[in-house]
Amino acid sequence: MPLMPGADPFSHAGGPVGALLLHGFAGSPRSMRPWADRLATEGLSVELPRLPGHGTRWQDMAVTRWEDWYAEADRSLTLLRERSATTFVLGLAMGATLALRLAQQRPDDVAGLVLVNPWVRSHRRGRRLLPLGRLVVKSLPGNGNDIARPGVDEGCYDRLPMQPAYSLVQAASQVSADLPRVVAPLLLLHSRHDHVVEPGNAAAILSGVSSKDRTEVWLENSFHVATLDHDATLIESRSIEFVHRVAPGSVQG
């Protein structure tokens, strides 16, 4: 199946410090590529995988589950660890959910986490309807391209398959319950105006993890896909500062 424009995975062999970047639900590497390029320019080794079922058509995603996305994230982290002495995991939305799971399951391999508009829970009515609704409705109109910056397209699906959405809710429940297992240093950046992820997610994560090193940054000028929005350069700069602080000497310049 042909890929959507910009949905290609990206890999860069840089220095001894690596960064694994994970995109969001129904999105693709396109939403993370500028960030990946910036990290590569700064001398990091980078892995930006395309998660299974993403970046082609929504019907391909309909047959995948969160275990498939996590398996690819886990595989990519292993590849990065083979050539990096220290590895960080950076995620957007669902990518942040997977990043948290990696930190829970592989604490020795995650030196630090950078989460942008992370998602671990929802109290919206639609979430409660998923268990039964997924058996009746295959997909619903998508909610992508929540970006304040005009003319920007993240390359997401225009429909959301219900079975994978339900699977993501199940994953989030597990990740949320296991938040105390996260001990890695954490940089959490979240938008003041996010129309996809509820603001309570950031507070739940910050209060739930066991990380002693926790930093919260508000993004004042971006919506959900902040990695392509007005605050993209802020995200890039703060993540580089974070990596440099946690792993001194890792960033060139």
Protein backbone atom coordinates (compact mmCIF):
# COMPACT_ATOMS: atom_id res chain seq x y z
CA MET A 1 0.00 0.00 0.00
CA PRO A 2 1.51 3.39 -0.99
CA LEU A 3 2.50 5.69 1.85
CA MET A 4 0.97 9.09 2.41
CA PRO A 5 3.34 11.99 1.66
CA GLY A 6 5.85 12.39 4.49
CA ALA A 7 4.89 9.13 6.21
CA ASP A 8 8.25 7.46 5.65
CA PRO A 9 10.17 6.30 8.72
CA PHE A 10 13.44 8.05 9.45
CA SER A 11 16.75 6.78 10.83
CA HIS A 12 19.97 8.66 11.47
CA ALA A 13 23.28 7.35 12.78
CA GLY A 14 24.75 10.05 14.97
CA GLY A 15 26.56 10.11 18.28
CA PRO A 16 26.37 7.82 21.33
CA VAL A 17 23.12 9.35 22.57
CA GLY A 18 19.95 8.25 20.81
CA ALA A 19 16.41 9.59 20.50
CA LEU A 20 13.38 7.45 19.66
CA LEU A 21 10.44 9.53 18.40
CA LEU A 22 6.89 8.14 18.35
CA HIS A 23 3.98 9.72 16.48
CA GLY A 24 0.34 9.84 17.45
CA PHE A 25 -2.83 7.85 16.80
CA ALA A 26 -3.92 7.90 13.13
CA GLY A 27 -0.92 10.12 12.34
CA SER A 28 2.47 9.33 10.86
CA PRO A 29 6.18 10.24 11.09
CA ARG A 30 5.31 13.44 9.23
CA SER A 31 4.19 15.04 12.49
CA MET A 32 7.58 14.34 14.07
CA ARG A 33 10.01 14.76 11.19
CA PRO A 34 11.10 18.38 11.81
CA TRP A 35 11.83 17.46 15.43
CA ALA A 36 13.76 14.37 14.31
CA ASP A 37 15.77 16.44 11.84
CA ARG A 38 16.66 18.98 14.54
CA LEU A 39 17.87 16.26 16.89
CA ALA A 40 19.92 14.67 14.11
CA THR A 41 21.49 18.05 13.34
CA GLU A 42 22.47 18.33 17.00
CA GLY A 43 24.42 15.07 16.72
CA LEU A 44 22.00 12.53 18.18
CA SER A 45 21.26 9.14 16.71
CA VAL A 46 17.57 9.09 15.78
CA GLU A 47 14.88 6.51 15.11
CA LEU A 48 11.44 7.63 13.93
CA PRO A 49 9.38 4.55 13.02
CA ARG A 50 6.06 4.39 11.22
CA LEU A 51 3.76 2.53 13.56
CA PRO A 52 1.79 -0.40 12.06
CA GLY A 53 -1.36 0.59 10.19
CA HIS A 54 -0.39 4.26 10.01
CA GLY A 55 0.54 6.46 7.09
CA THR A 56 -1.40 4.57 4.40
CA ARG A 57 -5.20 4.37 4.76
CA TRP A 58 -7.44 4.03 7.78
CA GLN A 59 -8.59 0.56 6.73
CA ASP A 60 -5.04 -0.69 7.27
CA MET A 61 -5.10 0.66 10.79
CA ALA A 62 -8.43 -1.03 11.52
CA VAL A 63 -6.77 -4.44 11.84
CA THR A 64 -4.06 -3.28 14.23
CA ARG A 65 -4.07 -3.01 18.01
CA TRP A 66 -1.97 -1.21 20.60
CA GLU A 67 0.20 -4.29 21.05
CA ASP A 68 1.27 -3.93 17.41
CA TRP A 69 2.24 -0.26 17.88
CA TYR A 70 4.08 -1.03 21.09
CA ALA A 71 5.95 -3.92 19.49
CA GLU A 72 7.28 -1.58 16.79
CA ALA A 73 8.26 1.01 19.39
CA ASP A 74 10.00 -1.69 21.40
CA ARG A 75 11.83 -2.99 18.31
CA SER A 76 12.96 0.51 17.38
CA LEU A 77 14.26 1.13 20.90
CA THR A 78 16.26 -2.10 20.71
CA LEU A 79 17.77 -1.01 17.38
CA LEU A 80 18.69 2.35 18.83
CA ARG A 81 20.19 0.79 21.95
CA GLU A 82 22.50 -1.33 19.79
CA ARG A 83 24.32 1.80 18.63
CA SER A 84 23.66 4.23 21.50
CA ALA A 85 25.03 4.29 25.00
CA THR A 86 22.12 6.39 26.23
CA THR A 87 18.61 6.57 24.81
CA PHE A 88 15.72 8.98 25.23
CA VAL A 89 12.13 8.41 24.13
CA LEU A 90 10.04 11.31 22.82
CA GLY A 91 6.35 11.00 21.98
CA LEU A 92 3.33 12.97 20.82
CA ALA A 93 -0.13 12.04 22.18
CA MET A 94 -0.44 8.26 21.69
CA GLY A 95 3.29 8.23 21.01
CA ALA A 96 3.71 9.59 24.53
CA THR A 97 1.51 6.78 25.86
CA LEU A 98 3.82 4.26 24.20
CA ALA A 99 6.85 6.14 25.50
CA LEU A 100 5.54 5.84 29.05
CA ARG A 101 4.99 2.13 28.52
CA LEU A 102 8.58 1.70 27.35
CA ALA A 103 9.77 3.50 30.48
CA GLN A 104 7.63 1.16 32.59
CA GLN A 105 8.74 -2.02 30.85
CA ARG A 106 12.37 -1.12 30.08
CA PRO A 107 13.54 1.35 32.73
CA ASP A 108 17.22 0.59 32.17
CA ASP A 109 16.92 1.52 28.50
CA VAL A 110 15.11 4.85 28.90
CA ALA A 111 17.37 7.62 30.20
CA GLY A 112 14.67 10.24 29.86
CA LEU A 113 11.19 10.97 28.51
CA VAL A 114 9.93 13.96 26.53
CA LEU A 115 6.14 13.93 26.24
CA VAL A 116 4.08 16.35 24.15
CA ASN A 117 0.34 16.47 24.86
CA PRO A 118 0.37 12.97 26.37
CA TRP A 119 -2.78 10.92 26.76
CA VAL A 120 -3.53 8.32 29.45
CA ARG A 121 -7.21 8.88 30.24
CA SER A 122 -10.46 10.46 29.08
CA HIS A 123 -13.81 11.16 30.68
CA ARG A 124 -15.60 12.06 27.48
CA ARG A 125 -18.88 10.37 26.63
CA GLY A 126 -17.48 8.84 23.44
CA ARG A 127 -14.90 6.89 25.40
CA ARG A 128 -17.62 5.18 27.43
CA LEU A 129 -19.47 4.19 24.25
CA LEU A 130 -16.46 2.51 22.65
CA PRO A 131 -16.90 -1.02 24.10
CA LEU A 132 -20.30 -1.43 22.41
CA GLY A 133 -20.01 1.17 19.67
CA ARG A 134 -16.99 -0.54 18.09
CA LEU A 135 -19.17 -3.58 17.42
CA VAL A 136 -21.62 -1.52 15.39
CA VAL A 137 -19.63 1.30 13.81
CA LYS A 138 -16.34 0.64 12.03
CA SER A 139 -15.13 4.23 11.91
CA LEU A 140 -15.99 7.84 12.71
CA PRO A 141 -14.83 11.15 11.21
CA GLY A 142 -11.28 11.97 12.26
CA ASN A 143 -10.16 14.74 14.60
CA GLY A 144 -6.71 15.36 13.15
CA ASN A 145 -4.94 18.54 12.10
CA ASP A 146 -5.67 20.29 15.38
CA ILE A 147 -3.03 22.92 14.58
CA ALA A 148 -3.22 26.67 15.17
CA ARG A 149 -0.66 27.46 12.49
CA PRO A 150 -2.47 28.05 9.18
CA GLY A 151 -1.93 25.75 6.22
CA VAL A 152 -0.19 22.92 8.09
CA ASP A 153 -1.19 19.30 7.44
CA GLU A 154 0.07 16.56 9.75
CA GLY A 155 -0.81 13.81 7.25
CA CYS A 156 -3.42 12.02 9.35
CA TYR A 157 -6.43 9.85 8.51
CA ASP A 158 -9.77 11.51 7.85
CA ARG A 159 -11.52 8.67 9.66
CA LEU A 160 -10.79 6.93 12.96
CA PRO A 161 -11.31 3.14 13.11
CA MET A 162 -13.18 2.20 16.25
CA GLN A 163 -11.54 -1.10 17.15
CA PRO A 164 -8.04 0.41 17.36
CA ALA A 165 -9.47 3.35 19.29
CA TYR A 166 -10.89 0.93 21.85
CA SER A 167 -7.54 -0.84 21.98
CA LEU A 168 -5.82 2.46 22.70
CA VAL A 169 -8.18 3.07 25.62
CA GLN A 170 -7.22 -0.33 27.02
CA ALA A 171 -3.54 0.53 26.66
CA ALA A 172 -4.00 3.88 28.35
CA SER A 173 -5.68 2.20 31.31
CA GLN A 174 -2.67 -0.07 31.79
CA VAL A 175 -0.20 2.77 31.38
CA SER A 176 -2.14 4.94 33.82
CA ALA A 177 -2.25 2.19 36.44
CA ASP A 178 1.51 1.66 36.12
CA LEU A 179 2.57 5.31 36.24
CA PRO A 180 4.43 4.79 39.56
CA ARG A 181 6.80 2.48 37.69
CA VAL A 182 8.12 5.40 35.66
CA VAL A 183 11.37 6.61 37.23
CA ALA A 184 13.09 8.27 34.24
CA PRO A 185 13.60 12.04 34.16
CA LEU A 186 10.57 13.61 32.53
CA LEU A 187 9.99 16.70 30.41
CA LEU A 188 6.27 17.21 29.75
CA LEU A 189 5.09 19.89 27.35
CA HIS A 190 1.38 20.48 26.83
CA SER A 191 -0.76 22.98 24.97
CA ARG A 192 -2.95 25.49 26.74
CA HIS A 193 -5.58 24.91 24.02
CA ASP A 194 -5.69 21.25 23.00
CA HIS A 195 -8.93 20.13 21.34
CA VAL A 196 -8.03 16.43 21.37
CA VAL A 197 -6.42 15.61 24.72
CA GLU A 198 -8.05 16.77 27.94
CA PRO A 199 -5.80 18.99 30.12
CA GLY A 200 -6.11 16.72 33.15
CA ASN A 201 -3.82 14.20 31.50
CA ALA A 202 -0.69 16.23 32.18
CA ALA A 203 -1.51 16.61 35.87
CA ALA A 204 -2.32 12.90 36.20
CA ILE A 205 1.03 11.95 34.71
CA LEU A 206 3.08 14.44 36.68
CA SER A 207 1.50 13.37 39.96
CA GLY A 208 1.51 9.67 39.11
CA VAL A 209 5.09 8.98 38.03
CA SER A 210 7.90 8.27 40.47
CA SER A 211 10.39 10.39 38.53
CA LYS A 212 12.28 12.74 40.83
CA ASP A 213 13.26 14.92 37.86
CA ARG A 214 10.01 16.35 36.45
CA THR A 215 9.61 19.48 34.35
CA GLU A 216 6.34 20.91 33.05
CA VAL A 217 6.19 23.38 30.16
CA TRP A 218 3.02 25.07 28.92
CA LEU A 219 2.71 25.65 25.17
CA GLU A 220 0.76 28.88 24.81
CA ASN A 221 0.54 29.17 21.02
CA SER A 222 -0.23 25.65 19.80
CA PHE A 223 -3.06 23.18 19.61
CA HIS A 224 -2.76 19.39 19.79
CA VAL A 225 -0.15 18.70 17.10
CA ALA A 226 2.28 21.09 18.73
CA THR A 227 5.29 19.51 17.02
CA LEU A 228 4.17 21.21 13.78
CA ASP A 229 2.65 24.30 15.37
CA HIS A 230 3.87 27.71 16.52
CA ASP A 231 5.71 26.20 19.51
CA ALA A 232 7.63 23.59 17.50
CA THR A 233 10.96 25.35 17.89
CA LEU A 234 10.34 25.70 21.63
CA ILE A 235 9.70 21.96 21.89
CA GLU A 236 12.88 21.23 19.97
CA SER A 237 15.01 23.61 22.03
CA ARG A 238 13.66 22.47 25.40
CA SER A 239 14.11 18.80 24.48
CA ILE A 240 17.73 19.43 23.44
CA GLU A 241 18.39 21.28 26.70
CA PHE A 242 16.81 18.37 28.58
CA VAL A 243 18.93 15.75 26.82
CA HIS A 244 22.06 17.81 27.36
CA ARG A 245 21.30 18.16 31.08
CA VAL A 246 20.45 14.51 31.66
CA ALA A 247 23.28 13.21 29.46
CA PRO A 248 26.00 15.92 29.62
CA GLY A 249 28.11 16.28 26.49
CA SER A 250 25.50 14.64 24.27
CA VAL A 251 24.59 17.69 22.21
CA GLN A 252 26.99 19.35 19.80
CA GLY A 253 27.58 23.07 19.74
